[in-house]
Amino acid sequence: MSIQSIEPQISRLSRAEKAELLQRLAREVGNAWAGIENTAGVSGGEACIVRTRIPVWTLENYRRLGWTEAAILENFPSLRAADLVNAWAYADAHPEEVDKAIRKNQEG
């Protein structure tokens, strides 16, 4: 795929969609994720929500099990809606990492 091949699709996006695309590209290129951090010695070094020890894979697993965002926020009172937005963006950009962590923790 080339830039020229996706340019027509990009031109059809709204300004808000273009801004979202730009943010996603900037995070991917910079490998910096707002609200997400990996700290050695915390939750096995897994990507976690800042201010917490809640791994992204845990939240993604609940989402896959059908939990609504409201249910997740209710069960994790330290989380904010913005934390879930950040977690979903990270999980979408790192599917192999998240899948591996989910499998590892399901196996015990």
Protein backbone atom coordinates (compact mmCIF):
# COMPACT_ATOMS: atom_id res chain seq x y z
CA MET A 1 0.00 0.00 0.00
CA SER A 2 1.27 3.46 -0.80
CA ILE A 3 0.37 6.96 0.26
CA GLN A 4 -0.90 7.65 -3.25
CA SER A 5 -3.30 4.71 -3.04
CA ILE A 6 -4.89 5.88 0.22
CA GLU A 7 -4.87 9.60 -0.53
CA PRO A 8 -8.37 9.57 -2.10
CA GLN A 9 -9.76 7.89 1.03
CA ILE A 10 -8.07 10.41 3.30
CA SER A 11 -9.48 13.31 1.31
CA ARG A 12 -13.02 12.00 1.96
CA LEU A 13 -12.56 12.02 5.74
CA SER A 14 -14.09 14.76 7.88
CA ARG A 15 -11.82 17.19 9.70
CA ALA A 16 -12.45 15.30 12.96
CA GLU A 17 -11.60 11.97 11.34
CA LYS A 18 -8.41 13.44 9.87
CA ALA A 19 -7.47 14.74 13.33
CA GLU A 20 -8.05 11.28 14.82
CA LEU A 21 -5.98 9.67 12.06
CA LEU A 22 -3.18 12.14 12.68
CA GLN A 23 -3.22 11.40 16.42
CA ARG A 24 -3.08 7.67 15.80
CA LEU A 25 -0.20 8.05 13.36
CA ALA A 26 1.70 10.31 15.75
CA ARG A 27 1.33 7.78 18.58
CA GLU A 28 2.41 4.90 16.37
CA VAL A 29 5.43 6.74 15.03
CA GLY A 30 6.41 8.11 18.41
CA ASN A 31 5.42 4.95 20.28
CA ALA A 32 4.07 7.22 22.99
CA TRP A 33 0.60 6.54 24.28
CA ALA A 34 -1.27 9.16 26.24
CA GLY A 35 -2.42 7.68 29.50
CA ILE A 36 -0.56 4.38 29.02
CA GLU A 37 2.77 3.43 30.56
CA ASN A 38 5.03 0.41 30.82
CA THR A 39 6.97 0.35 34.08
CA ALA A 40 9.38 -2.43 34.96
CA GLY A 41 8.22 -4.18 38.10
CA VAL A 42 4.61 -3.00 37.77
CA SER A 43 2.15 -5.62 36.51
CA GLY A 44 4.99 -7.54 34.92
CA GLY A 45 5.97 -4.55 32.79
CA GLU A 46 2.67 -4.76 30.88
CA ALA A 47 1.12 -1.62 29.41
CA CYS A 48 -1.03 -0.12 32.18
CA ILE A 49 -3.33 2.84 32.66
CA VAL A 50 -1.33 5.66 34.29
CA ARG A 51 -2.08 6.25 37.98
CA THR A 52 -3.10 2.58 38.27
CA ARG A 53 -1.77 -0.94 38.02
CA ILE A 54 -4.55 -1.92 35.63
CA PRO A 55 -3.13 -3.56 32.50
CA VAL A 56 -4.60 -2.68 29.12
CA TRP A 57 -5.01 -6.39 28.35
CA THR A 58 -7.32 -6.77 31.36
CA LEU A 59 -9.64 -4.05 30.10
CA GLU A 60 -9.52 -5.39 26.55
CA ASN A 61 -10.37 -8.87 27.82
CA TYR A 62 -13.44 -7.54 29.63
CA ARG A 63 -14.45 -5.69 26.46
CA ARG A 64 -14.14 -8.92 24.47
CA LEU A 65 -16.28 -10.68 27.07
CA GLY A 66 -19.04 -8.19 26.34
CA TRP A 67 -18.68 -5.79 29.23
CA THR A 68 -19.90 -2.30 28.41
CA GLU A 69 -17.72 0.70 29.11
CA ALA A 70 -20.18 1.66 31.85
CA ALA A 71 -19.72 -1.74 33.52
CA ILE A 72 -15.93 -1.46 33.30
CA LEU A 73 -15.96 2.04 34.80
CA GLU A 74 -18.30 0.89 37.56
CA ASN A 75 -16.04 -2.04 38.46
CA PHE A 76 -12.83 -0.01 38.23
CA PRO A 77 -13.71 3.23 40.05
CA SER A 78 -10.21 4.68 39.61
CA LEU A 79 -10.70 4.72 35.81
CA ARG A 80 -12.09 7.57 33.75
CA ALA A 81 -13.75 7.39 30.35
CA ALA A 82 -10.62 8.89 28.78
CA ASP A 83 -8.61 5.97 30.19
CA LEU A 84 -10.77 3.55 28.21
CA VAL A 85 -10.32 5.59 25.03
CA ASN A 86 -6.56 5.36 25.53
CA ALA A 87 -6.73 1.64 26.35
CA TRP A 88 -8.77 0.85 23.22
CA ALA A 89 -6.39 2.83 21.02
CA TYR A 90 -3.41 1.01 22.50
CA ALA A 91 -5.08 -2.40 22.21
CA ASP A 92 -6.05 -1.71 18.59
CA ALA A 93 -2.47 -0.70 17.75
CA HIS A 94 -0.86 -3.64 19.60
CA PRO A 95 -3.16 -6.62 19.00
CA GLU A 96 -0.43 -9.28 19.16
CA GLU A 97 0.90 -7.97 22.48
CA VAL A 98 -2.58 -7.81 24.00
CA ASP A 99 -3.61 -11.23 22.66
CA LYS A 100 -0.43 -12.79 24.05
CA ALA A 101 -1.01 -11.27 27.50
CA ILE A 102 -4.62 -12.45 27.56
CA ARG A 103 -3.61 -15.99 26.57
CA LYS A 104 -0.79 -16.04 29.11
CA ASN A 105 -3.10 -15.04 31.93
CA GLN A 106 -5.87 -17.44 30.91
CA GLU A 107 -3.42 -20.33 30.99
CA GLY A 108 -2.53 -19.45 34.55
